PDB file of N, CA and C in Angstrom:
ATOM      1  N   MET A   1     123.103 104.386  83.559  1.00  0.00           N
ATOM      2  CA  MET A   1     122.909 105.290  82.459  1.00  0.00           C
ATOM      3  C   MET A   1     124.163 105.392  81.597  1.00  0.00           C
ATOM      4  N   TRP A   2     125.321 105.536  82.223  1.00  0.00           N
ATOM      5  CA  TRP A   2     126.564 105.639  81.462  1.00  0.00           C
ATOM      6  C   TRP A   2     126.834 104.381  80.669  1.00  0.00           C
ATOM      7  N   GLU A   3     126.444 103.228  81.215  1.00  0.00           N
ATOM      8  CA  GLU A   3     126.623 101.975  80.490  1.00  0.00           C
ATOM      9  C   GLU A   3     125.806 101.986  79.200  1.00  0.00           C
ATOM     10  N   ASP A   4     124.568 102.493  79.284  1.00  0.00           N
ATOM     11  CA  ASP A   4     123.730 102.579  78.096  1.00  0.00           C
ATOM     12  C   ASP A   4     124.327 103.517  77.064  1.00  0.00           C
ATOM     13  N   ILE A   5     124.879 104.622  77.534  1.00  0.00           N
ATOM     14  CA  ILE A   5     125.481 105.586  76.611  1.00  0.00           C
ATOM     15  C   ILE A   5     126.681 104.960  75.902  1.00  0.00           C
ATOM     16  N   LEU A   6     127.506 104.254  76.630  1.00  0.00           N
ATOM     17  CA  LEU A   6     128.672 103.615  76.025  1.00  0.00           C
ATOM     18  C   LEU A   6     128.273 102.427  75.147  1.00  0.00           C
ATOM     19  N   LYS A   7     127.238 101.708  75.577  1.00  0.00           N
ATOM     20  CA  LYS A   7     126.796 100.529  74.836  1.00  0.00           C
ATOM     21  C   LYS A   7     126.044 100.917  73.561  1.00  0.00           C
ATOM     22  N   ARG A   8     125.330 102.034  73.604  1.00  0.00           N
ATOM     23  CA  ARG A   8     124.507 102.466  72.476  1.00  0.00           C
ATOM     24  C   ARG A   8     124.872 103.899  72.081  1.00  0.00           C
ATOM     25  N   PRO A   9     125.964 104.073  71.317  1.00  0.00           N
ATOM     26  CA  PRO A   9     126.383 105.431  70.953  1.00  0.00           C
ATOM     27  C   PRO A   9     125.387 106.139  70.034  1.00  0.00           C
ATOM     28  N   TYR A  10     124.509 105.383  69.381  1.00  0.00           N
ATOM     29  CA  TYR A  10     123.530 106.024  68.512  1.00  0.00           C
ATOM     30  C   TYR A  10     122.580 106.918  69.316  1.00  0.00           C
ATOM     31  N   ILE A  11     122.381 106.597  70.591  1.00  0.00           N
ATOM     32  CA  ILE A  11     121.546 107.440  71.445  1.00  0.00           C
ATOM     33  C   ILE A  11     122.232 108.798  71.647  1.00  0.00           C
ATOM     34  N   THR A  12     123.515 108.766  71.949  1.00  0.00           N
ATOM     35  CA  THR A  12     124.268 109.997  72.165  1.00  0.00           C
ATOM     36  C   THR A  12     124.289 110.862  70.904  1.00  0.00           C
ATOM     37  N   VAL A  13     124.517 110.235  69.760  1.00  0.00           N
ATOM     38  CA  VAL A  13     124.567 110.978  68.498  1.00  0.00           C
ATOM     39  C   VAL A  13     123.200 111.581  68.183  1.00  0.00           C
ATOM     40  N   GLY A  14     122.142 110.825  68.411  1.00  0.00           N
ATOM     41  CA  GLY A  14     120.794 111.331  68.168  1.00  0.00           C
ATOM     42  C   GLY A  14     120.435 112.485  69.071  1.00  0.00           C
ATOM     43  N   VAL A  15     120.772 112.378  70.341  1.00  0.00           N
ATOM     44  CA  VAL A  15     120.488 113.460  71.293  1.00  0.00           C
ATOM     45  C   VAL A  15     121.322 114.695  70.956  1.00  0.00           C
ATOM     46  N   LEU A  16     122.569 114.499  70.565  1.00  0.00           N
ATOM     47  CA  LEU A  16     123.416 115.624  70.171  1.00  0.00           C
ATOM     48  C   LEU A  16     122.808 116.355  68.975  1.00  0.00           C
ATOM     49  N   ALA A  17     122.347 115.613  67.972  1.00  0.00           N
ATOM     50  CA  ALA A  17     121.710 116.232  66.810  1.00  0.00           C
ATOM     51  C   ALA A  17     120.467 117.009  67.225  1.00  0.00           C
ATOM     52  N   LEU A  18     119.680 116.432  68.110  1.00  0.00           N
ATOM     53  CA  LEU A  18     118.474 117.096  68.582  1.00  0.00           C
ATOM     54  C   LEU A  18     118.802 118.390  69.334  1.00  0.00           C
ATOM     55  N   VAL A  19     119.802 118.330  70.188  1.00  0.00           N
ATOM     56  CA  VAL A  19     120.202 119.515  70.958  1.00  0.00           C
ATOM     57  C   VAL A  19     120.743 120.606  70.029  1.00  0.00           C
ATOM     58  N   LEU A  20     121.463 120.216  68.992  1.00  0.00           N
ATOM     59  CA  LEU A  20     121.992 121.200  68.054  1.00  0.00           C
ATOM     60  C   LEU A  20     120.888 121.850  67.222  1.00  0.00           C
ATOM     61  N   LEU A  21     119.745 121.207  67.107  1.00  0.00           N
ATOM     62  CA  LEU A  21     118.620 121.799  66.388  1.00  0.00           C
ATOM     63  C   LEU A  21     117.974 122.946  67.162  1.00  0.00           C
ATOM     64  N   ILE A  22     118.130 122.963  68.474  1.00  0.00           N
ATOM     65  CA  ILE A  22     117.480 123.977  69.309  1.00  0.00           C
ATOM     66  C   ILE A  22     117.906 125.399  68.926  1.00  0.00           C
ATOM     67  N   PRO A  23     119.220 125.706  68.815  1.00  0.00           N
ATOM     68  CA  PRO A  23     119.565 127.083  68.432  1.00  0.00           C
ATOM     69  C   PRO A  23     119.097 127.436  67.017  1.00  0.00           C
ATOM     70  N   LEU A  24     119.005 126.451  66.137  1.00  0.00           N
ATOM     71  CA  LEU A  24     118.518 126.747  64.796  1.00  0.00           C
ATOM     72  C   LEU A  24     117.041 127.110  64.828  1.00  0.00           C
ATOM     73  N   ALA A  25     116.279 126.371  65.614  1.00  0.00           N
ATOM     74  CA  ALA A  25     114.852 126.674  65.741  1.00  0.00           C
ATOM     75  C   ALA A  25     114.639 128.022  66.420  1.00  0.00           C
ATOM     76  N   ALA A  26     115.453 128.312  67.415  1.00  0.00           N
ATOM     77  CA  ALA A  26     115.295 129.557  68.171  1.00  0.00           C
ATOM     78  C   ALA A  26     115.673 130.791  67.352  1.00  0.00           C
ATOM     79  N   THR A  27     116.500 130.618  66.338  1.00  0.00           N
ATOM     80  CA  THR A  27     116.975 131.771  65.564  1.00  0.00           C
ATOM     81  C   THR A  27     116.408 131.804  64.146  1.00  0.00           C
ATOM     82  N   SER A  28     115.342 131.088  63.900  1.00  0.00           N
ATOM     83  CA  SER A  28     114.793 131.022  62.547  1.00  0.00           C
ATOM     84  C   SER A  28     113.771 132.107  62.235  1.00  0.00           C
ATOM     85  N   THR A  29     113.459 132.965  63.171  1.00  0.00           N
ATOM     86  CA  THR A  29     112.499 134.028  62.911  1.00  0.00           C
ATOM     87  C   THR A  29     113.196 135.232  62.285  1.00  0.00           C
ATOM     88  N   SER A  30     112.420 136.064  61.624  1.00  0.00           N
ATOM     89  CA  SER A  30     112.977 137.272  60.990  1.00  0.00           C
ATOM     90  C   SER A  30     113.624 138.186  62.029  1.00  0.00           C
ATOM     91  N   GLY A  31     112.995 138.301  63.191  1.00  0.00           N
ATOM     92  CA  GLY A  31     113.553 139.151  64.246  1.00  0.00           C
ATOM     93  C   GLY A  31     114.915 138.669  64.715  1.00  0.00           C
ATOM     94  N   MET A  32     115.072 137.366  64.870  1.00  0.00           N
ATOM     95  CA  MET A  32     116.364 136.833  65.315  1.00  0.00           C
ATOM     96  C   MET A  32     117.432 136.989  64.237  1.00  0.00           C
ATOM     97  N   ILE A  33     117.025 136.871  62.986  1.00  0.00           N
ATOM     98  CA  ILE A  33     117.992 137.069  61.897  1.00  0.00           C
ATOM     99  C   ILE A  33     118.518 138.504  61.944  1.00  0.00           C
ATOM    100  N   LYS A  34     117.621 139.461  62.172  1.00  0.00           N
ATOM    101  CA  LYS A  34     118.041 140.868  62.267  1.00  0.00           C
ATOM    102  C   LYS A  34     118.921 141.095  63.486  1.00  0.00           C
ATOM    103  N   ARG A  35     118.560 140.482  64.622  1.00  0.00           N
ATOM    104  CA  ARG A  35     119.351 140.665  65.851  1.00  0.00           C
ATOM    105  C   ARG A  35     120.752 140.080  65.708  1.00  0.00           C
ATOM    106  N   LEU A  36     120.840 138.907  65.110  1.00  0.00           N
ATOM    107  CA  LEU A  36     122.153 138.259  64.953  1.00  0.00           C
ATOM    108  C   LEU A  36     122.975 138.899  63.845  1.00  0.00           C
ATOM    109  N   GLY A  37     122.312 139.436  62.860  1.00  0.00           N
ATOM    110  CA  GLY A  37     123.008 139.905  61.668  1.00  0.00           C
ATOM    111  C   GLY A  37     123.119 138.748  60.692  1.00  0.00           C
ATOM    112  N   GLY A  38     123.044 139.060  59.433  1.00  0.00           N
ATOM    113  CA  GLY A  38     123.024 138.016  58.398  1.00  0.00           C
ATOM    114  C   GLY A  38     124.218 137.079  58.432  1.00  0.00           C
ATOM    115  N   ALA A  39     125.410 137.646  58.587  1.00  0.00           N
ATOM    116  CA  ALA A  39     126.619 136.813  58.562  1.00  0.00           C
ATOM    117  C   ALA A  39     126.657 135.851  59.752  1.00  0.00           C
ATOM    118  N   ASN A  40     126.349 136.352  60.936  1.00  0.00           N
ATOM    119  CA  ASN A  40     126.342 135.482  62.121  1.00  0.00           C
ATOM    120  C   ASN A  40     125.254 134.423  62.023  1.00  0.00           C
ATOM    121  N   TRP A  41     124.100 134.814  61.497  1.00  0.00           N
ATOM    122  CA  TRP A  41     122.997 133.865  61.354  1.00  0.00           C
ATOM    123  C   TRP A  41     123.369 132.742  60.391  1.00  0.00           C
ATOM    124  N   ARG A  42     123.985 133.119  59.257  1.00  0.00           N
ATOM    125  CA  ARG A  42     124.412 132.095  58.281  1.00  0.00           C
ATOM    126  C   ARG A  42     125.457 131.173  58.884  1.00  0.00           C
ATOM    127  N   LEU A  43     126.380 131.737  59.643  1.00  0.00           N
ATOM    128  CA  LEU A  43     127.403 130.916  60.295  1.00  0.00           C
ATOM    129  C   LEU A  43     126.779 129.922  61.266  1.00  0.00           C
ATOM    130  N   LEU A  44     125.845 130.387  62.080  1.00  0.00           N
ATOM    131  CA  LEU A  44     125.161 129.506  63.015  1.00  0.00           C
ATOM    132  C   LEU A  44     124.382 128.416  62.281  1.00  0.00           C
ATOM    133  N   HIS A  45     123.726 128.768  61.213  1.00  0.00           N
ATOM    134  CA  HIS A  45     122.881 127.811  60.508  1.00  0.00           C
ATOM    135  C   HIS A  45     123.669 126.836  59.638  1.00  0.00           C
ATOM    136  N   LYS A  46     124.976 126.993  59.587  1.00  0.00           N
ATOM    137  CA  LYS A  46     125.805 125.959  58.957  1.00  0.00           C
ATOM    138  C   LYS A  46     125.849 124.699  59.813  1.00  0.00           C
ATOM    139  N   LEU A  47     125.355 124.808  61.044  1.00  0.00           N
ATOM    140  CA  LEU A  47     125.205 123.622  61.893  1.00  0.00           C
ATOM    141  C   LEU A  47     124.288 122.588  61.237  1.00  0.00           C
ATOM    142  N   ALA A  48     123.450 123.029  60.323  1.00  0.00           N
ATOM    143  CA  ALA A  48     122.536 122.105  59.647  1.00  0.00           C
ATOM    144  C   ALA A  48     123.310 121.007  58.924  1.00  0.00           C
ATOM    145  N   TYR A  49     124.481 121.329  58.399  1.00  0.00           N
ATOM    146  CA  TYR A  49     125.296 120.313  57.719  1.00  0.00           C
ATOM    147  C   TYR A  49     125.774 119.258  58.718  1.00  0.00           C
ATOM    148  N   VAL A  50     126.226 119.709  59.867  1.00  0.00           N
ATOM    149  CA  VAL A  50     126.685 118.789  60.918  1.00  0.00           C
ATOM    150  C   VAL A  50     125.518 117.941  61.416  1.00  0.00           C
ATOM    151  N   ILE A  51     124.375 118.579  61.613  1.00  0.00           N
ATOM    152  CA  ILE A  51     123.198 117.864  62.108  1.00  0.00           C
ATOM    153  C   ILE A  51     122.751 116.810  61.107  1.00  0.00           C
ATOM    154  N   GLY A  52     122.801 117.130  59.828  1.00  0.00           N
ATOM    155  CA  GLY A  52     122.445 116.138  58.806  1.00  0.00           C
ATOM    156  C   GLY A  52     123.346 114.917  58.877  1.00  0.00           C
ATOM    157  N   GLY A  53     124.638 115.156  59.021  1.00  0.00           N
ATOM    158  CA  GLY A  53     125.579 114.045  59.148  1.00  0.00           C
ATOM    159  C   GLY A  53     125.336 113.225  60.399  1.00  0.00           C
ATOM    160  N   LEU A  54     125.072 113.907  61.509  1.00  0.00           N
ATOM    161  CA  LEU A  54     124.780 113.190  62.759  1.00  0.00           C
ATOM    162  C   LEU A  54     123.489 112.386  62.640  1.00  0.00           C
ATOM    163  N   GLY A  55     122.488 112.944  61.961  1.00  0.00           N
ATOM    164  CA  GLY A  55     121.228 112.228  61.775  1.00  0.00           C
ATOM    165  C   GLY A  55     121.408 110.956  60.962  1.00  0.00           C
ATOM    166  N   VAL A  56     122.186 111.045  59.890  1.00  0.00           N
ATOM    167  CA  VAL A  56     122.449 109.860  59.068  1.00  0.00           C
ATOM    168  C   VAL A  56     123.255 108.837  59.866  1.00  0.00           C
ATOM    169  N   LEU A  57     124.259 109.292  60.596  1.00  0.00           N
ATOM    170  CA  LEU A  57     125.051 108.379  61.420  1.00  0.00           C
ATOM    171  C   LEU A  57     124.175 107.691  62.465  1.00  0.00           C
ATOM    172  N   HIS A  58     123.302 108.456  63.096  1.00  0.00           N
ATOM    173  CA  HIS A  58     122.364 107.901  64.077  1.00  0.00           C
ATOM    174  C   HIS A  58     121.505 106.805  63.441  1.00  0.00           C
ATOM    175  N   PHE A  59     120.974 107.089  62.266  1.00  0.00           N
ATOM    176  CA  PHE A  59     120.117 106.121  61.577  1.00  0.00           C
ATOM    177  C   PHE A  59     120.908 104.881  61.157  1.00  0.00           C
ATOM    178  N   LEU A  60     122.135 105.074  60.684  1.00  0.00           N
ATOM    179  CA  LEU A  60     122.968 103.928  60.291  1.00  0.00           C
ATOM    180  C   LEU A  60     123.251 103.017  61.478  1.00  0.00           C
ATOM    181  N   TRP A  61     123.584 103.609  62.622  1.00  0.00           N
ATOM    182  CA  TRP A  61     123.892 102.813  63.808  1.00  0.00           C
ATOM    183  C   TRP A  61     122.651 102.167  64.398  1.00  0.00           C
ATOM    184  N   LEU A  62     121.515 102.820  64.250  1.00  0.00           N
ATOM    185  CA  LEU A  62     120.276 102.341  64.843  1.00  0.00           C
ATOM    186  C   LEU A  62     119.648 101.209  64.038  1.00  0.00           C
ATOM    187  N   ALA A  63     119.817 101.236  62.732  1.00  0.00           N
ATOM    188  CA  ALA A  63     119.132 100.298  61.849  1.00  0.00           C
ATOM    189  C   ALA A  63     119.632  98.862  62.034  1.00  0.00           C
ATOM    190  N   LYS A  64     118.719  97.957  61.832  1.00  0.00           N
ATOM    191  CA  LYS A  64     119.053  96.532  61.894  1.00  0.00           C
ATOM    192  C   LYS A  64     119.875  96.154  60.665  1.00  0.00           C
ATOM    193  N   LYS A  65     120.670  95.136  60.798  1.00  0.00           N
ATOM    194  CA  LYS A  65     121.463  94.657  59.671  1.00  0.00           C
ATOM    195  C   LYS A  65     120.523  94.180  58.566  1.00  0.00           C
ATOM    196  N   GLY A  66     120.918  94.427  57.350  1.00  0.00           N
ATOM    197  CA  GLY A  66     120.113  94.010  56.223  1.00  0.00           C
ATOM    198  C   GLY A  66     119.168  95.080  55.707  1.00  0.00           C
ATOM    199  N   ARG A  67     118.979  96.155  56.447  1.00  0.00           N
ATOM    200  CA  ARG A  67     118.122  97.255  55.987  1.00  0.00           C
ATOM    201  C   ARG A  67     118.942  98.190  55.120  1.00  0.00           C
ATOM    202  N   THR A  68     118.385  98.582  54.006  1.00  0.00           N
ATOM    203  CA  THR A  68     119.119  99.460  53.092  1.00  0.00           C
ATOM    204  C   THR A  68     118.679 100.917  53.195  1.00  0.00           C
ATOM    205  N   THR A  69     117.574 101.187  53.851  1.00  0.00           N
ATOM    206  CA  THR A  69     117.039 102.547  53.934  1.00  0.00           C
ATOM    207  C   THR A  69     118.058 103.564  54.457  1.00  0.00           C
ATOM    208  N   PRO A  70     118.811 103.265  55.528  1.00  0.00           N
ATOM    209  CA  PRO A  70     119.775 104.272  56.012  1.00  0.00           C
ATOM    210  C   PRO A  70     120.822 104.632  54.961  1.00  0.00           C
ATOM    211  N   TYR A  71     121.160 103.692  54.108  1.00  0.00           N
ATOM    212  CA  TYR A  71     122.153 103.974  53.079  1.00  0.00           C
ATOM    213  C   TYR A  71     121.592 104.913  52.017  1.00  0.00           C
ATOM    214  N   TYR A  72     120.302 104.819  51.742  1.00  0.00           N
ATOM    215  CA  TYR A  72     119.679 105.755  50.812  1.00  0.00           C
ATOM    216  C   TYR A  72     119.749 107.176  51.364  1.00  0.00           C
ATOM    217  N   TYR A  73     119.504 107.305  52.648  1.00  0.00           N
ATOM    218  CA  TYR A  73     119.613 108.617  53.284  1.00  0.00           C
ATOM    219  C   TYR A  73     121.053 109.125  53.247  1.00  0.00           C
ATOM    220  N   ALA A  74     121.996 108.246  53.509  1.00  0.00           N
ATOM    221  CA  ALA A  74     123.414 108.638  53.490  1.00  0.00           C
ATOM    222  C   ALA A  74     123.830 109.070  52.091  1.00  0.00           C
ATOM    223  N   ILE A  75     123.405 108.334  51.082  1.00  0.00           N
ATOM    224  CA  ILE A  75     123.741 108.693  49.694  1.00  0.00           C
ATOM    225  C   ILE A  75     123.098 110.022  49.322  1.00  0.00           C
ATOM    226  N   THR A  76     121.836 110.204  49.703  1.00  0.00           N
ATOM    227  CA  THR A  76     121.144 111.462  49.408  1.00  0.00           C
ATOM    228  C   THR A  76     121.853 112.638  50.063  1.00  0.00           C
ATOM    229  N   LEU A  77     122.224 112.490  51.334  1.00  0.00           N
ATOM    230  CA  LEU A  77     122.937 113.564  52.024  1.00  0.00           C
ATOM    231  C   LEU A  77     124.282 113.834  51.359  1.00  0.00           C
ATOM    232  N   ALA A  78     124.995 112.781  50.991  1.00  0.00           N
ATOM    233  CA  ALA A  78     126.299 112.952  50.345  1.00  0.00           C
ATOM    234  C   ALA A  78     126.157 113.686  49.009  1.00  0.00           C
ATOM    235  N   VAL A  79     125.135 113.355  48.234  1.00  0.00           N
ATOM    236  CA  VAL A  79     124.917 114.039  46.951  1.00  0.00           C
ATOM    237  C   VAL A  79     124.575 115.506  47.187  1.00  0.00           C
ATOM    238  N   LEU A  80     123.670 115.775  48.120  1.00  0.00           N
ATOM    239  CA  LEU A  80     123.280 117.160  48.393  1.00  0.00           C
ATOM    240  C   LEU A  80     124.452 117.995  48.914  1.00  0.00           C
ATOM    241  N   LEU A  81     125.228 117.423  49.817  1.00  0.00           N
ATOM    242  CA  LEU A  81     126.396 118.145  50.322  1.00  0.00           C
ATOM    243  C   LEU A  81     127.453 118.302  49.230  1.00  0.00           C
ATOM    244  N   GLY A  82     127.562 117.305  48.361  1.00  0.00           N
ATOM    245  CA  GLY A  82     128.480 117.407  47.232  1.00  0.00           C
ATOM    246  C   GLY A  82     128.104 118.536  46.288  1.00  0.00           C
ATOM    247  N   VAL A  83     126.807 118.699  46.030  1.00  0.00           N
ATOM    248  CA  VAL A  83     126.334 119.800  45.190  1.00  0.00           C
ATOM    249  C   VAL A  83     126.653 121.139  45.852  1.00  0.00           C
ATOM    250  N   ARG A  84     126.404 121.229  47.166  1.00  0.00           N
ATOM    251  CA  ARG A  84     126.716 122.473  47.884  1.00  0.00           C
ATOM    252  C   ARG A  84     128.217 122.788  47.813  1.00  0.00           C
ATOM    253  N   LEU A  85     129.042 121.771  48.006  1.00  0.00           N
ATOM    254  CA  LEU A  85     130.491 121.957  47.939  1.00  0.00           C
ATOM    255  C   LEU A  85     130.915 122.384  46.535  1.00  0.00           C
ATOM    256  N   TRP A  86     130.354 121.744  45.519  1.00  0.00           N
ATOM    257  CA  TRP A  86     130.670 122.081  44.126  1.00  0.00           C
ATOM    258  C   TRP A  86     130.335 123.547  43.849  1.00  0.00           C
ATOM    259  N   GLU A  87     129.135 123.993  44.262  1.00  0.00           N
ATOM    260  CA  GLU A  87     128.728 125.384  44.054  1.00  0.00           C
ATOM    261  C   GLU A  87     129.630 126.345  44.818  1.00  0.00           C
ATOM    262  N   TRP A  88     129.991 125.996  46.037  1.00  0.00           N
ATOM    263  CA  TRP A  88     130.873 126.851  46.831  1.00  0.00           C
ATOM    264  C   TRP A  88     132.228 126.998  46.154  1.00  0.00           C
ATOM    265  N   LEU A  89     132.790 125.885  45.672  1.00  0.00           N
ATOM    266  CA  LEU A  89     134.094 125.933  44.993  1.00  0.00           C
ATOM    267  C   LEU A  89     134.002 126.720  43.688  1.00  0.00           C
ATOM    268  N   ARG A  90     132.896 126.564  42.954  1.00  0.00           N
ATOM    269  CA  ARG A  90     132.702 127.282  41.700  1.00  0.00           C
ATOM    270  C   ARG A  90     132.621 128.788  41.950  1.00  0.00           C
ATOM    271  N   LYS A  91     131.858 129.190  42.964  1.00  0.00           N
ATOM    272  CA  LYS A  91     131.748 130.616  43.285  1.00  0.00           C
ATOM    273  C   LYS A  91     133.081 131.179  43.751  1.00  0.00           C
ATOM    274  N   ARG A  92     133.787 130.394  44.530  1.00  0.00           N
ATOM    275  CA  ARG A  92     135.095 130.844  45.031  1.00  0.00           C
ATOM    276  C   ARG A  92     136.080 131.040  43.875  1.00  0.00           C
ATOM    277  N   ALA A  93     136.060 130.125  42.905  1.00  0.00           N
ATOM    278  CA  ALA A  93     136.941 130.245  41.746  1.00  0.00           C
ATOM    279  C   ALA A  93     136.561 131.455  40.899  1.00  0.00           C
ATOM    280  N   THR A  94     135.261 131.725  40.774  1.00  0.00           N
ATOM    281  CA  THR A  94     134.807 132.879  40.007  1.00  0.00           C
ATOM    282  C   THR A  94     135.253 134.176  40.667  1.00  0.00           C
ATOM    283  N   VAL A  95     135.090 134.280  41.973  1.00  0.00           N
ATOM    284  CA  VAL A  95     135.512 135.476  42.703  1.00  0.00           C
ATOM    285  C   VAL A  95     137.016 135.656  42.591  1.00  0.00           C
ATOM    286  N   ALA A  96     137.766 134.563  42.692  1.00  0.00           N
ATOM    287  CA  ALA A  96     139.231 134.649  42.603  1.00  0.00           C
ATOM    288  C   ALA A  96     139.656 135.093  41.208  1.00  0.00           C
ATOM    289  N   SER A  97     138.945 134.672  40.174  1.00  0.00           N
ATOM    290  CA  SER A  97     139.335 135.052  38.813  1.00  0.00           C
ATOM    291  C   SER A  97     138.987 136.516  38.523  1.00  0.00           C
ATOM    292  N   LEU A  98     137.989 137.067  39.222  1.00  0.00           N
ATOM    293  CA  LEU A  98     137.605 138.458  39.024  1.00  0.00           C
ATOM    294  C   LEU A  98     138.430 139.430  39.860  1.00  0.00           C
ATOM    295  N   ALA A  99     139.085 138.943  40.899  1.00  0.00           N
ATOM    296  CA  ALA A  99     139.880 139.800  41.786  1.00  0.00           C
ATOM    297  C   ALA A  99     141.122 140.280  41.048  1.00  0.00           C
ATOM    298  N   PRO A 100     141.529 141.530  41.300  1.00  0.00           N
ATOM    299  CA  PRO A 100     142.750 142.038  40.656  1.00  0.00           C
ATOM    300  C   PRO A 100     143.975 141.260  41.123  1.00  0.00           C
ATOM    301  N   ARG A 101     144.883 141.079  40.203  1.00  0.00           N
ATOM    302  CA  ARG A 101     146.129 140.368  40.524  1.00  0.00           C
ATOM    303  C   ARG A 101     146.989 141.243  41.430  1.00  0.00           C
ATOM    304  N   GLY A 102     147.858 140.617  42.193  1.00  0.00           N
ATOM    305  CA  GLY A 102     148.690 141.336  43.168  1.00  0.00           C
ATOM    306  C   GLY A 102     149.537 142.418  42.546  1.00  0.00           C
ATOM    307  N   GLY A 103     149.189 143.686  42.803  1.00  0.00           N
ATOM    308  CA  GLY A 103     150.027 144.809  42.392  1.00  0.00           C
ATOM    309  C   GLY A 103     149.765 145.345  41.010  1.00  0.00           C
ATOM    310  N   GLU A 104     149.095 144.650  40.118  1.00  0.00           N
ATOM    311  CA  GLU A 104     148.906 145.117  38.746  1.00  0.00           C
ATOM    312  C   GLU A 104     148.099 146.408  38.701  1.00  0.00           C
ATOM    313  N   GLY A 105     146.992 146.452  39.418  1.00  0.00           N
ATOM    314  CA  GLY A 105     146.111 147.613  39.392  1.00  0.00           C
ATOM    315  C   GLY A 105     146.722 148.830  40.075  1.00  0.00           C
ATOM    316  N   ALA A 106     147.502 148.644  41.113  1.00  0.00           N
ATOM    317  CA  ALA A 106     148.065 149.739  41.877  1.00  0.00           C
ATOM    318  C   ALA A 106     149.117 150.489  41.065  1.00  0.00           C
ATOM    319  N   ARG A 107     149.915 149.819  40.291  1.00  0.00           N
ATOM    320  CA  ARG A 107     150.998 150.436  39.516  1.00  0.00           C
ATOM    321  C   ARG A 107     150.460 151.151  38.285  1.00  0.00           C
ATOM    322  N   ALA A 108     149.334 150.757  37.776  1.00  0.00           N
ATOM    323  CA  ALA A 108     148.801 151.344  36.544  1.00  0.00           C
ATOM    324  C   ALA A 108     148.431 152.806  36.725  1.00  0.00           C
ATOM    325  N   HIS A 109     148.113 153.235  37.934  1.00  0.00           N
ATOM    326  CA  HIS A 109     147.695 154.604  38.176  1.00  0.00           C
ATOM    327  C   HIS A 109     148.858 155.538  38.493  1.00  0.00           C
ATOM    328  N   ASP A 110     150.052 155.025  38.707  1.00  0.00           N
ATOM    329  CA  ASP A 110     151.208 155.868  39.065  1.00  0.00           C
ATOM    330  C   ASP A 110     151.771 156.606  37.880  1.00  0.00           C
TER     331      ASP A 110
END
């Protein structure tokens, strides 16, 4: 068994992705979201990004040479994650620009 795992790492990556999906499935109900709290639930469900990457890696390693389909999936995932990153950076910059500068607001009231 260990020889197969070392010889075929795509099996390990695929099983890891599958196992990581279990807590996401178990916590996807409204009741679990309330029990975990929104912030904890969102943190846990960020595993979806890791799972997506593992899934693409699994498909890339599994595919026969000459097949282009896994690359389409990799490009699609990269674009989608790039959009998410762009939005996150944009929101972060907006929040930073709206935050009061260090000490300016505190001295104005004295």
